[in-house]
């Protein structure tokens, strides 16, 4: 079953570029992983960025996680974001 991984970031104004760069790096790495259907970043014009990655399966999403975290796992989101990342993960219905 198709799986989506969604991350909602609320960056501090001075860190918007850094958060967007991190999210775009995540997308670049995701595009190299088997099972990716689509990924991108939505700017909601309300100050938030919404990252979306759609995978062929939960297994494909899980298998990609180490490479994705190697790319962005050390980024200081607790400093960059106003609040913790709101993350969603589950089947696409």
Protein backbone atom coordinates (compact mmCIF):
# COMPACT_ATOMS: atom_id res chain seq x y z
CA UNK A 1 0.00 0.00 0.00
CA UNK A 2 1.26 3.49 -0.86
CA UNK A 3 2.69 5.33 2.16
CA UNK A 4 3.12 9.06 2.76
CA UNK A 5 5.63 10.72 5.06
CA UNK A 6 4.73 14.34 5.84
CA UNK A 7 6.74 16.84 7.90
CA UNK A 8 5.40 20.26 8.82
CA UNK A 9 8.05 22.81 9.76
CA UNK A 10 7.43 26.22 11.32
CA UNK A 11 10.79 27.93 10.82
CA UNK A 12 11.88 31.06 12.59
CA UNK A 13 12.03 33.84 9.96
CA UNK A 14 15.82 34.03 10.08
CA UNK A 15 16.10 30.25 9.47
CA UNK A 16 13.59 29.82 6.61
CA UNK A 17 16.35 29.41 4.02
CA UNK A 18 18.18 26.80 6.13
CA UNK A 19 15.01 24.77 6.74
CA UNK A 20 14.07 24.90 3.06
CA UNK A 21 17.59 23.84 2.07
CA UNK A 22 17.41 20.88 4.47
CA UNK A 23 14.03 19.82 3.12
CA UNK A 24 15.27 20.08 -0.46
CA UNK A 25 18.34 17.98 0.42
CA UNK A 26 15.99 15.37 1.90
CA UNK A 27 14.01 15.38 -1.36
CA UNK A 28 17.18 15.02 -3.46
CA UNK A 29 18.29 11.97 -1.48
CA UNK A 30 14.76 10.50 -1.48
CA UNK A 31 14.72 10.70 -5.28
CA UNK A 32 17.69 8.30 -5.35
CA UNK A 33 15.97 5.65 -3.23
CA UNK A 34 13.95 2.71 -4.57
CA UNK A 35 10.21 2.95 -4.13
CA UNK A 36 9.83 6.73 -4.12
CA UNK A 37 6.75 7.91 -6.01
CA UNK A 38 6.98 11.67 -5.44
CA UNK A 39 8.52 14.18 -3.06
CA UNK A 40 8.46 17.94 -2.71
CA UNK A 41 8.07 20.91 -0.39
CA UNK A 42 4.95 23.06 -0.12
CA UNK A 43 5.25 26.66 1.13
CA UNK A 44 1.84 27.39 2.65
CA UNK A 45 2.41 31.18 2.65
CA UNK A 46 1.62 31.12 6.37
CA UNK A 47 5.23 30.65 7.37
CA UNK A 48 5.21 26.84 7.29
CA UNK A 49 6.89 24.38 4.96
CA UNK A 50 5.25 21.02 4.39
CA UNK A 51 7.49 18.24 3.15
CA UNK A 52 5.76 15.32 1.44
CA UNK A 53 7.28 12.03 0.35
CA UNK A 54 5.05 9.36 -1.17
CA UNK A 55 6.45 5.83 -1.26
CA UNK A 56 5.26 2.65 -2.96
CA UNK A 57 5.10 1.00 0.48
CA UNK A 58 5.86 1.48 4.16
CA UNK A 59 8.78 -0.92 3.67
CA UNK A 60 10.29 1.34 0.98
CA UNK A 61 9.91 4.37 3.26
CA UNK A 62 11.56 2.52 6.14
CA UNK A 63 14.41 1.26 3.94
CA UNK A 64 15.16 4.82 2.77
CA UNK A 65 15.23 6.26 6.27
CA UNK A 66 18.93 5.66 7.07
CA UNK A 67 20.08 7.49 3.92
CA UNK A 68 17.63 10.33 4.57
CA UNK A 69 18.67 10.73 8.19
CA UNK A 70 22.34 10.64 7.18
CA UNK A 71 21.58 13.72 5.07
CA UNK A 72 19.42 15.79 7.46
CA UNK A 73 19.44 14.02 10.83
CA UNK A 74 22.03 16.37 12.35
CA UNK A 75 20.34 19.58 11.17
CA UNK A 76 19.47 21.73 14.23
CA UNK A 77 15.70 21.87 13.77
CA UNK A 78 15.16 22.61 17.46
CA UNK A 79 17.03 25.88 16.86
CA UNK A 80 15.59 26.57 13.41
CA UNK A 81 11.91 25.81 14.06
CA UNK A 82 9.55 27.71 16.35
CA UNK A 83 7.92 24.44 17.44
CA UNK A 84 8.71 20.74 17.08
CA UNK A 85 8.24 19.22 13.64
CA UNK A 86 4.73 17.88 13.16
CA UNK A 87 5.20 14.57 11.42
CA UNK A 88 2.67 12.23 9.85
CA UNK A 89 3.28 8.80 8.38
CA UNK A 90 0.75 6.35 7.08
CA UNK A 91 -1.06 4.70 4.22
CA UNK A 92 -2.48 6.79 1.42
CA UNK A 93 -6.15 5.92 1.02
